Amino acid sequence: MLRSFSVRFILTAALTCVLLSFFVGCGRTMGKGGSPVDLYVDAVTLNQAGYPNQAIEKLDTAIDKQQDFSQAYSLKDDIFQQMQQYEKSAES
């Protein structure tokens, strides 16, 4: 029951952001642009929604923009471990 609530919450939050992007303009951060923190938040959302490869792409872009962004490196490592890609995890 708690898991289904979490899934509903994540889906509702994602849908809300998509809808707000049309009215407020937060959709700008969902593209290649945006600050490293915006890209990190996008990566967290994508990973939680089951899109780890897209999350890694966002993290790579965030790291390109800010090479000392330790949280991005850490999340990238965690995602590779979840995907059981241990060699890539060690490289990140």
C-alpha atoms as a PDB file:
ATOM      1  CA  MET A   1       0.000   0.000   0.000  1.00  0.00           C
ATOM      2  CA  LEU A   2       2.807   2.409   0.849  1.00  0.00           C
ATOM      3  CA  ARG A   3       4.564   1.546  -2.407  1.00  0.00           C
ATOM      4  CA  SER A   4       1.474   2.291  -4.491  1.00  0.00           C
ATOM      5  CA  PHE A   5       1.135   5.626  -2.687  1.00  0.00           C
ATOM      6  CA  SER A   6       4.762   6.441  -3.518  1.00  0.00           C
ATOM      7  CA  VAL A   7       4.257   5.572  -7.183  1.00  0.00           C
ATOM      8  CA  ARG A   8       1.101   7.691  -7.335  1.00  0.00           C
ATOM      9  CA  PHE A   9       2.899  10.569  -5.624  1.00  0.00           C
ATOM     10  CA  ILE A  10       5.826  10.456  -8.065  1.00  0.00           C
ATOM     11  CA  LEU A  11       3.526  10.264 -11.076  1.00  0.00           C
ATOM     12  CA  THR A  12       1.404  13.130  -9.753  1.00  0.00           C
ATOM     13  CA  ALA A  13       4.492  15.254  -9.117  1.00  0.00           C
ATOM     14  CA  ALA A  14       5.852  14.539 -12.606  1.00  0.00           C
ATOM     15  CA  LEU A  15       2.510  15.344 -14.237  1.00  0.00           C
ATOM     16  CA  THR A  16       2.251  18.542 -12.218  1.00  0.00           C
ATOM     17  CA  CYS A  17       5.690  19.665 -13.380  1.00  0.00           C
ATOM     18  CA  VAL A  18       4.826  18.927 -16.992  1.00  0.00           C
ATOM     19  CA  LEU A  19       1.617  20.926 -16.713  1.00  0.00           C
ATOM     20  CA  LEU A  20       3.355  23.786 -14.944  1.00  0.00           C
ATOM     21  CA  SER A  21       6.020  23.873 -17.629  1.00  0.00           C
ATOM     22  CA  PHE A  22       3.403  25.076 -20.084  1.00  0.00           C
ATOM     23  CA  PHE A  23       2.115  27.802 -17.778  1.00  0.00           C
ATOM     24  CA  VAL A  24       5.128  28.916 -15.752  1.00  0.00           C
ATOM     25  CA  GLY A  25       8.123  28.027 -17.902  1.00  0.00           C
ATOM     26  CA  CYS A  26       9.862  25.428 -15.725  1.00  0.00           C
ATOM     27  CA  GLY A  27      10.157  23.302 -18.859  1.00  0.00           C
ATOM     28  CA  ARG A  28      13.323  25.201 -19.734  1.00  0.00           C
ATOM     29  CA  THR A  29      15.259  23.251 -17.104  1.00  0.00           C
ATOM     30  CA  MET A  30      14.086  19.902 -18.501  1.00  0.00           C
ATOM     31  CA  GLY A  31      16.112  20.325 -21.686  1.00  0.00           C
ATOM     32  CA  LYS A  32      19.864  20.314 -22.199  1.00  0.00           C
ATOM     33  CA  GLY A  33      20.043  23.752 -20.617  1.00  0.00           C
ATOM     34  CA  GLY A  34      19.537  24.700 -17.046  1.00  0.00           C
ATOM     35  CA  SER A  35      21.833  24.890 -14.092  1.00  0.00           C
ATOM     36  CA  PRO A  36      23.732  21.861 -12.811  1.00  0.00           C
ATOM     37  CA  VAL A  37      21.344  21.688  -9.857  1.00  0.00           C
ATOM     38  CA  ASP A  38      18.316  21.718 -12.168  1.00  0.00           C
ATOM     39  CA  LEU A  39      19.862  18.916 -14.203  1.00  0.00           C
ATOM     40  CA  TYR A  40      20.576  16.954 -11.009  1.00  0.00           C
ATOM     41  CA  VAL A  41      16.950  17.283  -9.901  1.00  0.00           C
ATOM     42  CA  ASP A  42      15.819  16.146 -13.353  1.00  0.00           C
ATOM     43  CA  ALA A  43      18.159  13.134 -13.026  1.00  0.00           C
ATOM     44  CA  VAL A  44      16.730  12.194  -9.628  1.00  0.00           C
ATOM     45  CA  THR A  45      13.210  12.380 -11.039  1.00  0.00           C
ATOM     46  CA  LEU A  46      14.098  10.334 -14.111  1.00  0.00           C
ATOM     47  CA  ASN A  47      15.861   7.677 -12.034  1.00  0.00           C
ATOM     48  CA  GLN A  48      12.917   7.379  -9.642  1.00  0.00           C
ATOM     49  CA  ALA A  49      10.564   7.085 -12.621  1.00  0.00           C
ATOM     50  CA  GLY A  50      12.592   4.172 -13.999  1.00  0.00           C
ATOM     51  CA  TYR A  51      14.694   5.928 -16.641  1.00  0.00           C
ATOM     52  CA  PRO A  52      18.271   5.457 -15.417  1.00  0.00           C
ATOM     53  CA  ASN A  53      19.925   5.971 -18.818  1.00  0.00           C
ATOM     54  CA  GLN A  54      18.274   9.354 -19.283  1.00  0.00           C
ATOM     55  CA  ALA A  55      19.189  10.239 -15.703  1.00  0.00           C
ATOM     56  CA  ILE A  56      22.844   9.499 -16.438  1.00  0.00           C
ATOM     57  CA  GLU A  57      22.677  11.748 -19.507  1.00  0.00           C
ATOM     58  CA  LYS A  58      21.397  14.599 -17.322  1.00  0.00           C
ATOM     59  CA  LEU A  59      24.145  13.939 -14.782  1.00  0.00           C
ATOM     60  CA  ASP A  60      26.804  13.956 -17.498  1.00  0.00           C
ATOM     61  CA  THR A  61      25.540  17.350 -18.664  1.00  0.00           C
ATOM     62  CA  ALA A  62      25.536  18.658 -15.075  1.00  0.00           C
ATOM     63  CA  ILE A  63      29.100  17.401 -14.569  1.00  0.00           C
ATOM     64  CA  ASP A  64      30.205  19.005 -17.857  1.00  0.00           C
ATOM     65  CA  LYS A  65      28.863  22.321 -16.573  1.00  0.00           C
ATOM     66  CA  GLN A  66      30.342  21.952 -13.075  1.00  0.00           C
ATOM     67  CA  GLN A  67      33.198  19.475 -12.757  1.00  0.00           C
ATOM     68  CA  ASP A  68      33.286  19.622  -8.935  1.00  0.00           C
ATOM     69  CA  PHE A  69      29.589  18.692  -8.488  1.00  0.00           C
ATOM     70  CA  SER A  70      30.139  15.780  -6.105  1.00  0.00           C
ATOM     71  CA  GLN A  71      26.430  14.976  -5.677  1.00  0.00           C
ATOM     72  CA  ALA A  72      26.127  14.363  -9.424  1.00  0.00           C
ATOM     73  CA  TYR A  73      29.087  11.979  -9.389  1.00  0.00           C
ATOM     74  CA  SER A  74      27.644  10.183  -6.369  1.00  0.00           C
ATOM     75  CA  LEU A  75      24.193   9.734  -7.918  1.00  0.00           C
ATOM     76  CA  LYS A  76      25.751   8.560 -11.177  1.00  0.00           C
ATOM     77  CA  ASP A  77      27.703   5.938  -9.222  1.00  0.00           C
ATOM     78  CA  ASP A  78      24.545   4.831  -7.392  1.00  0.00           C
ATOM     79  CA  ILE A  79      22.618   4.470 -10.658  1.00  0.00           C
ATOM     80  CA  PHE A  80      25.364   2.383 -12.255  1.00  0.00           C
ATOM     81  CA  GLN A  81      25.382   0.136  -9.186  1.00  0.00           C
ATOM     82  CA  GLN A  82      21.582  -0.239  -9.362  1.00  0.00           C
ATOM     83  CA  MET A  83      22.016  -1.251 -13.007  1.00  0.00           C
ATOM     84  CA  GLN A  84      24.769  -3.699 -11.937  1.00  0.00           C
ATOM     85  CA  GLN A  85      27.253  -1.955 -14.221  1.00  0.00           C
ATOM     86  CA  TYR A  86      30.075  -2.094 -11.734  1.00  0.00           C
ATOM     87  CA  GLU A  87      32.895  -1.186 -14.132  1.00  0.00           C
ATOM     88  CA  LYS A  88      31.125   2.026 -15.127  1.00  0.00           C
ATOM     89  CA  SER A  89      30.407   2.660 -11.457  1.00  0.00           C
ATOM     90  CA  ALA A  90      34.121   2.476 -10.672  1.00  0.00           C
ATOM     91  CA  GLU A  91      34.907   4.837 -13.560  1.00  0.00           C
ATOM     92  CA  SER A  92      32.430   7.449 -12.410  1.00  0.00           C
END
